[in-house]
């Protein structure tokens, strides 16, 4: 495996994974921020649509840029993005369960 992946390729994959983590944190953090403030806006549906357009547009732009580097960096970034989603879902489920910590 080391012969196939050079030092630069490993660094690219680690960087892409970290970028996916940051992108996922921004995407799902933005979703949480939007939903937490829905009751404060006169037109919550518009706010939700604008928030989605911004979050999805940024995520798609970053994934499209990574796709130019190849499938491996794209996959690494996607794994980072999905990892944030899984952790966020797990934390929300734990916090909302009867035995969860507040």
PDB file of N, CA and C in Angstrom:
ATOM      1  N   UNK A   1       0.827  -1.189   0.000  1.00  0.00           N
ATOM      2  CA  UNK A   1       0.000   0.000   0.000  1.00  0.00           C
ATOM      3  C   UNK A   1       0.867   1.245   0.000  1.00  0.00           C
ATOM      4  N   UNK A   2       1.989   1.213   0.727  1.00  0.00           N
ATOM      5  CA  UNK A   2       2.865   2.375   0.787  1.00  0.00           C
ATOM      6  C   UNK A   2       3.476   2.662  -0.574  1.00  0.00           C
ATOM      7  N   UNK A   3       3.737   1.612  -1.350  1.00  0.00           N
ATOM      8  CA  UNK A   3       4.300   1.825  -2.674  1.00  0.00           C
ATOM      9  C   UNK A   3       3.291   2.506  -3.591  1.00  0.00           C
ATOM     10  N   UNK A   4       2.029   2.215  -3.384  1.00  0.00           N
ATOM     11  CA  UNK A   4       0.997   2.817  -4.234  1.00  0.00           C
ATOM     12  C   UNK A   4       0.753   4.258  -3.838  1.00  0.00           C
ATOM     13  N   UNK A   5       0.686   4.511  -2.541  1.00  0.00           N
ATOM     14  CA  UNK A   5       0.444   5.867  -2.045  1.00  0.00           C
ATOM     15  C   UNK A   5       1.763   6.498  -1.618  1.00  0.00           C
ATOM     16  N   UNK A   6       2.155   7.551  -2.292  1.00  0.00           N
ATOM     17  CA  UNK A   6       3.352   8.284  -1.899  1.00  0.00           C
ATOM     18  C   UNK A   6       3.031   9.198  -0.728  1.00  0.00           C
ATOM     19  N   UNK A   7       4.041   9.874  -0.235  1.00  0.00           N
ATOM     20  CA  UNK A   7       3.842  10.788   0.897  1.00  0.00           C
ATOM     21  C   UNK A   7       2.893  11.916   0.527  1.00  0.00           C
ATOM     22  N   UNK A   8       2.991  12.413  -0.690  1.00  0.00           N
ATOM     23  CA  UNK A   8       2.135  13.502  -1.117  1.00  0.00           C
ATOM     24  C   UNK A   8       0.688  13.016  -1.242  1.00  0.00           C
ATOM     25  N   UNK A   9       0.486  11.817  -1.738  1.00  0.00           N
ATOM     26  CA  UNK A   9      -0.872  11.296  -1.863  1.00  0.00           C
ATOM     27  C   UNK A   9      -1.513  11.068  -0.501  1.00  0.00           C
ATOM     28  N   UNK A  10      -0.758  10.566   0.455  1.00  0.00           N
ATOM     29  CA  UNK A  10      -1.296  10.358   1.803  1.00  0.00           C
ATOM     30  C   UNK A  10      -1.658  11.698   2.423  1.00  0.00           C
ATOM     31  N   UNK A  11      -0.815  12.692   2.228  1.00  0.00           N
ATOM     32  CA  UNK A  11      -1.108  14.020   2.767  1.00  0.00           C
ATOM     33  C   UNK A  11      -2.352  14.604   2.102  1.00  0.00           C
ATOM     34  N   UNK A  12      -2.522  14.348   0.830  1.00  0.00           N
ATOM     35  CA  UNK A  12      -3.704  14.830   0.111  1.00  0.00           C
ATOM     36  C   UNK A  12      -4.963  14.183   0.666  1.00  0.00           C
ATOM     37  N   UNK A  13      -4.902  12.886   0.926  1.00  0.00           N
ATOM     38  CA  UNK A  13      -6.073  12.186   1.460  1.00  0.00           C
ATOM     39  C   UNK A  13      -6.411  12.655   2.873  1.00  0.00           C
ATOM     40  N   UNK A  14      -5.399  12.856   3.699  1.00  0.00           N
ATOM     41  CA  UNK A  14      -5.634  13.339   5.065  1.00  0.00           C
ATOM     42  C   UNK A  14      -6.215  14.752   5.013  1.00  0.00           C
ATOM     43  N   UNK A  15      -5.673  15.571   4.139  1.00  0.00           N
ATOM     44  CA  UNK A  15      -6.200  16.929   3.977  1.00  0.00           C
ATOM     45  C   UNK A  15      -7.624  16.939   3.462  1.00  0.00           C
ATOM     46  N   UNK A  16      -7.914  16.059   2.520  1.00  0.00           N
ATOM     47  CA  UNK A  16      -9.274  15.971   1.988  1.00  0.00           C
ATOM     48  C   UNK A  16     -10.246  15.488   3.064  1.00  0.00           C
ATOM     49  N   UNK A  17      -9.819  14.531   3.881  1.00  0.00           N
ATOM     50  CA  UNK A  17     -10.671  14.060   4.974  1.00  0.00           C
ATOM     51  C   UNK A  17     -10.940  15.189   5.962  1.00  0.00           C
ATOM     52  N   UNK A  18      -9.889  15.942   6.308  1.00  0.00           N
ATOM     53  CA  UNK A  18     -10.047  17.077   7.220  1.00  0.00           C
ATOM     54  C   UNK A  18     -10.964  18.137   6.613  1.00  0.00           C
ATOM     55  N   UNK A  19     -10.836  18.369   5.322  1.00  0.00           N
ATOM     56  CA  UNK A  19     -11.718  19.319   4.643  1.00  0.00           C
ATOM     57  C   UNK A  19     -13.160  18.827   4.693  1.00  0.00           C
ATOM     58  N   UNK A  20     -13.361  17.515   4.537  1.00  0.00           N
ATOM     59  CA  UNK A  20     -14.700  16.946   4.644  1.00  0.00           C
ATOM     60  C   UNK A  20     -15.274  17.111   6.046  1.00  0.00           C
ATOM     61  N   UNK A  21     -14.431  16.942   7.061  1.00  0.00           N
ATOM     62  CA  UNK A  21     -14.877  17.163   8.441  1.00  0.00           C
ATOM     63  C   UNK A  21     -15.312  18.614   8.641  1.00  0.00           C
ATOM     64  N   UNK A  22     -14.495  19.540   8.156  1.00  0.00           N
ATOM     65  CA  UNK A  22     -14.822  20.964   8.302  1.00  0.00           C
ATOM     66  C   UNK A  22     -16.080  21.320   7.512  1.00  0.00           C
ATOM     67  N   UNK A  23     -16.196  20.777   6.320  1.00  0.00           N
ATOM     68  CA  UNK A  23     -17.366  21.043   5.498  1.00  0.00           C
ATOM     69  C   UNK A  23     -18.630  20.479   6.152  1.00  0.00           C
ATOM     70  N   UNK A  24     -18.539  19.281   6.703  1.00  0.00           N
ATOM     71  CA  UNK A  24     -19.675  18.685   7.398  1.00  0.00           C
ATOM     72  C   UNK A  24     -20.057  19.475   8.635  1.00  0.00           C
ATOM     73  N   UNK A  25     -19.057  19.941   9.369  1.00  0.00           N
ATOM     74  CA  UNK A  25     -19.341  20.748  10.558  1.00  0.00           C
ATOM     75  C   UNK A  25     -20.039  22.045  10.166  1.00  0.00           C
ATOM     76  N   UNK A  26     -19.587  22.663   9.099  1.00  0.00           N
ATOM     77  CA  UNK A  26     -20.234  23.886   8.628  1.00  0.00           C
ATOM     78  C   UNK A  26     -21.634  23.637   8.103  1.00  0.00           C
ATOM     79  N   UNK A  27     -21.803  22.546   7.350  1.00  0.00           N
ATOM     80  CA  UNK A  27     -23.108  22.239   6.765  1.00  0.00           C
ATOM     81  C   UNK A  27     -24.132  21.917   7.853  1.00  0.00           C
ATOM     82  N   UNK A  28     -23.790  20.984   8.714  1.00  0.00           N
ATOM     83  CA  UNK A  28     -24.754  20.568   9.736  1.00  0.00           C
ATOM     84  C   UNK A  28     -24.858  21.577  10.871  1.00  0.00           C
ATOM     85  N   UNK A  29     -23.787  22.310  11.131  1.00  0.00           N
ATOM     86  CA  UNK A  29     -23.865  23.408  12.088  1.00  0.00           C
ATOM     87  C   UNK A  29     -24.767  24.519  11.573  1.00  0.00           C
ATOM     88  N   UNK A  30     -24.675  24.803  10.276  1.00  0.00           N
ATOM     89  CA  UNK A  30     -25.559  25.793   9.668  1.00  0.00           C
ATOM     90  C   UNK A  30     -27.013  25.350   9.691  1.00  0.00           C
ATOM     91  N   UNK A  31     -27.238  24.066   9.482  1.00  0.00           N
ATOM     92  CA  UNK A  31     -28.599  23.543   9.558  1.00  0.00           C
ATOM     93  C   UNK A  31     -29.142  23.685  10.975  1.00  0.00           C
ATOM     94  N   UNK A  32     -28.336  23.332  11.962  1.00  0.00           N
ATOM     95  CA  UNK A  32     -28.760  23.461  13.357  1.00  0.00           C
ATOM     96  C   UNK A  32     -29.048  24.923  13.697  1.00  0.00           C
ATOM     97  N   UNK A  33     -28.165  25.827  13.265  1.00  0.00           N
ATOM     98  CA  UNK A  33     -28.332  27.253  13.533  1.00  0.00           C
ATOM     99  C   UNK A  33     -29.634  27.762  12.910  1.00  0.00           C
ATOM    100  N   UNK A  34     -29.905  27.350  11.690  1.00  0.00           N
ATOM    101  CA  UNK A  34     -31.125  27.783  11.002  1.00  0.00           C
ATOM    102  C   UNK A  34     -32.369  27.272  11.722  1.00  0.00           C
ATOM    103  N   UNK A  35     -32.379  26.002  12.059  1.00  0.00           N
ATOM    104  CA  UNK A  35     -33.548  25.421  12.707  1.00  0.00           C
ATOM    105  C   UNK A  35     -33.777  25.991  14.102  1.00  0.00           C
ATOM    106  N   UNK A  36     -32.696  26.340  14.791  1.00  0.00           N
ATOM    107  CA  UNK A  36     -32.832  26.907  16.135  1.00  0.00           C
ATOM    108  C   UNK A  36     -33.464  28.296  16.108  1.00  0.00           C
ATOM    109  N   UNK A  37     -33.394  28.979  14.968  1.00  0.00           N
ATOM    110  CA  UNK A  37     -33.925  30.337  14.869  1.00  0.00           C
ATOM    111  C   UNK A  37     -35.173  30.448  13.999  1.00  0.00           C
ATOM    112  N   UNK A  38     -35.784  29.339  13.664  1.00  0.00           N
ATOM    113  CA  UNK A  38     -36.952  29.348  12.775  1.00  0.00           C
ATOM    114  C   UNK A  38     -38.106  30.175  13.333  1.00  0.00           C
ATOM    115  N   UNK A  39     -38.308  30.131  14.626  1.00  0.00           N
ATOM    116  CA  UNK A  39     -39.442  30.835  15.217  1.00  0.00           C
ATOM    117  C   UNK A  39     -39.238  32.353  15.259  1.00  0.00           C
ATOM    118  N   UNK A  40     -38.043  32.828  14.967  1.00  0.00           N
ATOM    119  CA  UNK A  40     -37.762  34.266  15.028  1.00  0.00           C
ATOM    120  C   UNK A  40     -37.990  34.986  13.710  1.00  0.00           C
ATOM    121  N   UNK A  41     -38.139  34.244  12.624  1.00  0.00           N
ATOM    122  CA  UNK A  41     -38.254  34.864  11.307  1.00  0.00           C
ATOM    123  C   UNK A  41     -39.697  34.947  10.871  1.00  0.00           C
ATOM    124  N   UNK A  42     -39.998  36.026  10.131  1.00  0.00           N
ATOM    125  CA  UNK A  42     -41.355  36.180   9.600  1.00  0.00           C
ATOM    126  C   UNK A  42     -41.664  35.131   8.549  1.00  0.00           C
ATOM    127  N   UNK A  43     -40.680  34.792   7.754  1.00  0.00           N
ATOM    128  CA  UNK A  43     -40.861  33.800   6.686  1.00  0.00           C
ATOM    129  C   UNK A  43     -39.855  32.665   6.874  1.00  0.00           C
ATOM    130  N   UNK A  44     -40.171  31.746   7.742  1.00  0.00           N
ATOM    131  CA  UNK A  44     -39.203  30.678   8.027  1.00  0.00           C
ATOM    132  C   UNK A  44     -38.926  29.773   6.825  1.00  0.00           C
ATOM    133  N   UNK A  45     -39.911  29.602   5.947  1.00  0.00           N
ATOM    134  CA  UNK A  45     -39.685  28.745   4.784  1.00  0.00           C
ATOM    135  C   UNK A  45     -38.642  29.360   3.857  1.00  0.00           C
ATOM    136  N   UNK A  46     -38.686  30.672   3.711  1.00  0.00           N
ATOM    137  CA  UNK A  46     -37.696  31.356   2.879  1.00  0.00           C
ATOM    138  C   UNK A  46     -36.317  31.249   3.518  1.00  0.00           C
ATOM    139  N   UNK A  47     -36.255  31.444   4.825  1.00  0.00           N
ATOM    140  CA  UNK A  47     -34.983  31.333   5.535  1.00  0.00           C
ATOM    141  C   UNK A  47     -34.400  29.927   5.394  1.00  0.00           C
ATOM    142  N   UNK A  48     -35.243  28.921   5.502  1.00  0.00           N
ATOM    143  CA  UNK A  48     -34.777  27.547   5.365  1.00  0.00           C
ATOM    144  C   UNK A  48     -34.290  27.280   3.944  1.00  0.00           C
ATOM    145  N   UNK A  49     -34.997  27.801   2.957  1.00  0.00           N
ATOM    146  CA  UNK A  49     -34.593  27.612   1.561  1.00  0.00           C
ATOM    147  C   UNK A  49     -33.268  28.317   1.261  1.00  0.00           C
ATOM    148  N   UNK A  50     -33.109  29.530   1.757  1.00  0.00           N
ATOM    149  CA  UNK A  50     -31.858  30.263   1.531  1.00  0.00           C
ATOM    150  C   UNK A  50     -30.706  29.562   2.241  1.00  0.00           C
ATOM    151  N   UNK A  51     -30.941  29.123   3.460  1.00  0.00           N
ATOM    152  CA  UNK A  51     -29.912  28.407   4.199  1.00  0.00           C
ATOM    153  C   UNK A  51     -29.490  27.143   3.451  1.00  0.00           C
ATOM    154  N   UNK A  52     -30.460  26.399   2.951  1.00  0.00           N
ATOM    155  CA  UNK A  52     -30.147  25.182   2.206  1.00  0.00           C
ATOM    156  C   UNK A  52     -29.360  25.501   0.943  1.00  0.00           C
ATOM    157  N   UNK A  53     -29.779  26.533   0.216  1.00  0.00           N
ATOM    158  CA  UNK A  53     -29.088  26.897  -1.017  1.00  0.00           C
ATOM    159  C   UNK A  53     -27.628  27.264  -0.746  1.00  0.00           C
ATOM    160  N   UNK A  54     -27.394  28.018   0.313  1.00  0.00           N
ATOM    161  CA  UNK A  54     -26.023  28.396   0.660  1.00  0.00           C
ATOM    162  C   UNK A  54     -25.197  27.194   1.097  1.00  0.00           C
ATOM    163  N   UNK A  55     -25.762  26.373   1.985  1.00  0.00           N
ATOM    164  CA  UNK A  55     -25.026  25.215   2.489  1.00  0.00           C
ATOM    165  C   UNK A  55     -24.758  24.200   1.379  1.00  0.00           C
ATOM    166  N   UNK A  56     -25.782  23.910   0.591  1.00  0.00           N
ATOM    167  CA  UNK A  56     -25.621  22.923  -0.480  1.00  0.00           C
ATOM    168  C   UNK A  56     -24.696  23.450  -1.576  1.00  0.00           C
ATOM    169  N   UNK A  57     -24.826  24.734  -1.894  1.00  0.00           N
ATOM    170  CA  UNK A  57     -23.956  25.314  -2.914  1.00  0.00           C
ATOM    171  C   UNK A  57     -22.486  25.245  -2.531  1.00  0.00           C
ATOM    172  N   UNK A  58     -22.190  25.577  -1.285  1.00  0.00           N
ATOM    173  CA  UNK A  58     -20.811  25.511  -0.818  1.00  0.00           C
ATOM    174  C   UNK A  58     -20.304  24.068  -0.824  1.00  0.00           C
ATOM    175  N   UNK A  59     -21.120  23.155  -0.316  1.00  0.00           N
ATOM    176  CA  UNK A  59     -20.710  21.743  -0.271  1.00  0.00           C
ATOM    177  C   UNK A  59     -20.474  21.202  -1.681  1.00  0.00           C
ATOM    178  N   UNK A  60     -21.370  21.497  -2.603  1.00  0.00           N
ATOM    179  CA  UNK A  60     -21.197  21.012  -3.974  1.00  0.00           C
ATOM    180  C   UNK A  60     -19.976  21.625  -4.637  1.00  0.00           C
ATOM    181  N   UNK A  61     -19.716  22.898  -4.381  1.00  0.00           N
ATOM    182  CA  UNK A  61     -18.539  23.542  -4.968  1.00  0.00           C
ATOM    183  C   UNK A  61     -17.250  22.898  -4.456  1.00  0.00           C
ATOM    184  N   UNK A  62     -17.201  22.618  -3.157  1.00  0.00           N
ATOM    185  CA  UNK A  62     -16.003  21.995  -2.591  1.00  0.00           C
ATOM    186  C   UNK A  62     -15.844  20.574  -3.116  1.00  0.00           C
ATOM    187  N   UNK A  63     -16.926  19.812  -3.163  1.00  0.00           N
ATOM    188  CA  UNK A  63     -16.832  18.448  -3.685  1.00  0.00           C
ATOM    189  C   UNK A  63     -16.461  18.445  -5.166  1.00  0.00           C
ATOM    190  N   UNK A  64     -16.958  19.396  -5.932  1.00  0.00           N
ATOM    191  CA  UNK A  64     -16.603  19.483  -7.357  1.00  0.00           C
ATOM    192  C   UNK A  64     -15.123  19.807  -7.527  1.00  0.00           C
ATOM    193  N   UNK A  65     -14.609  20.697  -6.684  1.00  0.00           N
ATOM    194  CA  UNK A  65     -13.182  21.020  -6.756  1.00  0.00           C
ATOM    195  C   UNK A  65     -12.333  19.806  -6.381  1.00  0.00           C
ATOM    196  N   UNK A  66     -12.771  19.065  -5.383  1.00  0.00           N
ATOM    197  CA  UNK A  66     -12.026  17.870  -4.987  1.00  0.00           C
ATOM    198  C   UNK A  66     -12.110  16.770  -6.035  1.00  0.00           C
ATOM    199  N   UNK A  67     -13.190  16.723  -6.781  1.00  0.00           N
ATOM    200  CA  UNK A  67     -13.337  15.707  -7.817  1.00  0.00           C
ATOM    201  C   UNK A  67     -12.275  15.868  -8.901  1.00  0.00           C
ATOM    202  N   UNK A  68     -11.780  17.080  -9.074  1.00  0.00           N
ATOM    203  CA  UNK A  68     -10.715  17.303 -10.059  1.00  0.00           C
ATOM    204  C   UNK A  68      -9.408  16.636  -9.637  1.00  0.00           C
ATOM    205  N   UNK A  69      -9.255  16.399  -8.345  1.00  0.00           N
ATOM    206  CA  UNK A  69      -8.051  15.727  -7.849  1.00  0.00           C
ATOM    207  C   UNK A  69      -8.138  14.219  -7.997  1.00  0.00           C
ATOM    208  N   UNK A  70      -9.328  13.687  -8.197  1.00  0.00           N
ATOM    209  CA  UNK A  70      -9.514  12.251  -8.356  1.00  0.00           C
ATOM    210  C   UNK A  70     -10.558  11.709  -7.393  1.00  0.00           C
ATOM    211  N   UNK A  71     -10.848  10.433  -7.550  1.00  0.00           N
ATOM    212  CA  UNK A  71     -11.866   9.807  -6.725  1.00  0.00           C
ATOM    213  C   UNK A  71     -11.415   9.594  -5.285  1.00  0.00           C
ATOM    214  N   UNK A  72     -10.142   9.346  -5.066  1.00  0.00           N
ATOM    215  CA  UNK A  72      -9.671   9.079  -3.704  1.00  0.00           C
ATOM    216  C   UNK A  72      -9.834  10.307  -2.795  1.00  0.00           C
ATOM    217  N   UNK A  73      -9.387  11.498  -3.204  1.00  0.00           N
ATOM    218  CA  UNK A  73      -9.622  12.661  -2.335  1.00  0.00           C
ATOM    219  C   UNK A  73     -11.105  12.988  -2.177  1.00  0.00           C
ATOM    220  N   UNK A  74     -11.871  12.801  -3.236  1.00  0.00           N
ATOM    221  CA  UNK A  74     -13.311  13.029  -3.153  1.00  0.00           C
ATOM    222  C   UNK A  74     -13.947  12.071  -2.149  1.00  0.00           C
ATOM    223  N   UNK A  75     -13.562  10.814  -2.216  1.00  0.00           N
ATOM    224  CA  UNK A  75     -14.083   9.824  -1.272  1.00  0.00           C
ATOM    225  C   UNK A  75     -13.665  10.107   0.160  1.00  0.00           C
ATOM    226  N   UNK A  76     -12.422  10.538   0.343  1.00  0.00           N
ATOM    227  CA  UNK A  76     -11.945  10.862   1.693  1.00  0.00           C
ATOM    228  C   UNK A  76     -12.728  12.038   2.273  1.00  0.00           C
ATOM    229  N   UNK A  77     -12.981  13.054   1.455  1.00  0.00           N
ATOM    230  CA  UNK A  77     -13.759  14.208   1.922  1.00  0.00           C
ATOM    231  C   UNK A  77     -15.195  13.798   2.234  1.00  0.00           C
ATOM    232  N   UNK A  78     -15.757  12.950   1.404  1.00  0.00           N
ATOM    233  CA  UNK A  78     -17.118  12.484   1.640  1.00  0.00           C
ATOM    234  C   UNK A  78     -17.199  11.687   2.935  1.00  0.00           C
ATOM    235  N   UNK A  79     -16.189  10.863   3.204  1.00  0.00           N
ATOM    236  CA  UNK A  79     -16.172  10.108   4.464  1.00  0.00           C
ATOM    237  C   UNK A  79     -16.104  11.049   5.661  1.00  0.00           C
ATOM    238  N   UNK A  80     -15.322  12.107   5.566  1.00  0.00           N
ATOM    239  CA  UNK A  80     -15.266  13.089   6.639  1.00  0.00           C
ATOM    240  C   UNK A  80     -16.606  13.779   6.838  1.00  0.00           C
ATOM    241  N   UNK A  81     -17.260  14.130   5.741  1.00  0.00           N
ATOM    242  CA  UNK A  81     -18.567  14.776   5.786  1.00  0.00           C
ATOM    243  C   UNK A  81     -19.596  13.870   6.456  1.00  0.00           C
ATOM    244  N   UNK A  82     -19.616  12.611   6.051  1.00  0.00           N
ATOM    245  CA  UNK A  82     -20.565  11.643   6.611  1.00  0.00           C
ATOM    246  C   UNK A  82     -20.237  11.351   8.074  1.00  0.00           C
ATOM    247  N   UNK A  83     -18.967  11.343   8.433  1.00  0.00           N
ATOM    248  CA  UNK A  83     -18.580  11.106   9.832  1.00  0.00           C
ATOM    249  C   UNK A  83     -19.161  12.189  10.737  1.00  0.00           C
ATOM    250  N   UNK A  84     -19.124  13.434  10.287  1.00  0.00           N
ATOM    251  CA  UNK A  84     -19.710  14.523  11.085  1.00  0.00           C
ATOM    252  C   UNK A  84     -21.205  14.313  11.232  1.00  0.00           C
ATOM    253  N   UNK A  85     -21.855  13.888  10.179  1.00  0.00           N
ATOM    254  CA  UNK A  85     -23.301  13.651  10.227  1.00  0.00           C
ATOM    255  C   UNK A  85     -23.635  12.534  11.210  1.00  0.00           C
ATOM    256  N   UNK A  86     -22.853  11.472  11.190  1.00  0.00           N
ATOM    257  CA  UNK A  86     -23.106  10.356  12.100  1.00  0.00           C
ATOM    258  C   UNK A  86     -22.891  10.768  13.552  1.00  0.00           C
ATOM    259  N   UNK A  87     -21.831  11.507  13.812  1.00  0.00           N
ATOM    260  CA  UNK A  87     -21.560  11.962  15.179  1.00  0.00           C
ATOM    261  C   UNK A  87     -22.655  12.917  15.643  1.00  0.00           C
ATOM    262  N   UNK A  88     -23.071  13.835  14.771  1.00  0.00           N
ATOM    263  CA  UNK A  88     -24.130  14.780  15.143  1.00  0.00           C
ATOM    264  C   UNK A  88     -25.442  14.044  15.428  1.00  0.00           C
ATOM    265  N   UNK A  89     -25.777  13.072  14.603  1.00  0.00           N
ATOM    266  CA  UNK A  89     -27.003  12.293  14.824  1.00  0.00           C
ATOM    267  C   UNK A  89     -26.929  11.513  16.127  1.00  0.00           C
ATOM    268  N   UNK A  90     -25.778  10.920  16.383  1.00  0.00           N
ATOM    269  CA  UNK A  90     -25.599  10.155  17.616  1.00  0.00           C
ATOM    270  C   UNK A  90     -25.735  11.068  18.836  1.00  0.00           C
ATOM    271  N   UNK A  91     -25.125  12.245  18.775  1.00  0.00           N
ATOM    272  CA  UNK A  91     -25.203  13.171  19.909  1.00  0.00           C
ATOM    273  C   UNK A  91     -26.620  13.667  20.135  1.00  0.00           C
ATOM    274  N   UNK A  92     -27.332  13.976  19.059  1.00  0.00           N
ATOM    275  CA  UNK A  92     -28.719  14.429  19.212  1.00  0.00           C
ATOM    276  C   UNK A  92     -29.598  13.332  19.787  1.00  0.00           C
ATOM    277  N   UNK A  93     -29.424  12.105  19.306  1.00  0.00           N
ATOM    278  CA  UNK A  93     -30.222  10.993  19.821  1.00  0.00           C
ATOM    279  C   UNK A  93     -29.898  10.733  21.279  1.00  0.00           C
ATOM    280  N   UNK A  94     -28.636  10.818  21.645  1.00  0.00           N
ATOM    281  CA  UNK A  94     -28.233  10.595  23.038  1.00  0.00           C
ATOM    282  C   UNK A  94     -28.783  11.684  23.941  1.00  0.00           C
ATOM    283  N   UNK A  95     -28.721  12.926  23.483  1.00  0.00           N
ATOM    284  CA  UNK A  95     -29.202  14.040  24.298  1.00  0.00           C
ATOM    285  C   UNK A  95     -30.714  14.029  24.464  1.00  0.00           C
ATOM    286  N   UNK A  96     -31.429  13.473  23.507  1.00  0.00           N
ATOM    287  CA  UNK A  96     -32.896  13.454  23.581  1.00  0.00           C
ATOM    288  C   UNK A  96     -33.463  12.198  24.233  1.00  0.00           C
ATOM    289  N   UNK A  97     -32.604  11.209  24.458  1.00  0.00           N
ATOM    290  CA  UNK A  97     -33.084   9.977  25.071  1.00  0.00           C
ATOM    291  C   UNK A  97     -33.332  10.206  26.565  1.00  0.00           C
ATOM    292  N   UNK A  98     -34.216   9.426  27.169  1.00  0.00           N
ATOM    293  CA  UNK A  98     -34.539   9.623  28.601  1.00  0.00           C
ATOM    294  C   UNK A  98     -33.320   9.496  29.503  1.00  0.00           C
ATOM    295  N   UNK A  99     -32.376   8.644  29.175  1.00  0.00           N
ATOM    296  CA  UNK A  99     -31.196   8.458  30.005  1.00  0.00           C
ATOM    297  C   UNK A  99     -30.022   9.316  29.582  1.00  0.00           C
ATOM    298  N   UNK A 100     -30.212  10.153  28.534  1.00  0.00           N
ATOM    299  CA  UNK A 100     -29.113  10.969  28.016  1.00  0.00           C
ATOM    300  C   UNK A 100     -28.753  12.118  28.934  1.00  0.00           C
ATOM    301  N   UNK A 101     -27.558  12.597  28.751  1.00  0.00           N
ATOM    302  CA  UNK A 101     -27.110  13.737  29.557  1.00  0.00           C
ATOM    303  C   UNK A 101     -27.585  15.028  28.896  1.00  0.00           C
ATOM    304  N   UNK A 102     -28.001  16.016  29.648  1.00  0.00           N
ATOM    305  CA  UNK A 102     -28.499  17.249  29.057  1.00  0.00           C
ATOM    306  C   UNK A 102     -27.430  18.077  28.410  1.00  0.00           C
TER     307      UNK A 102
END
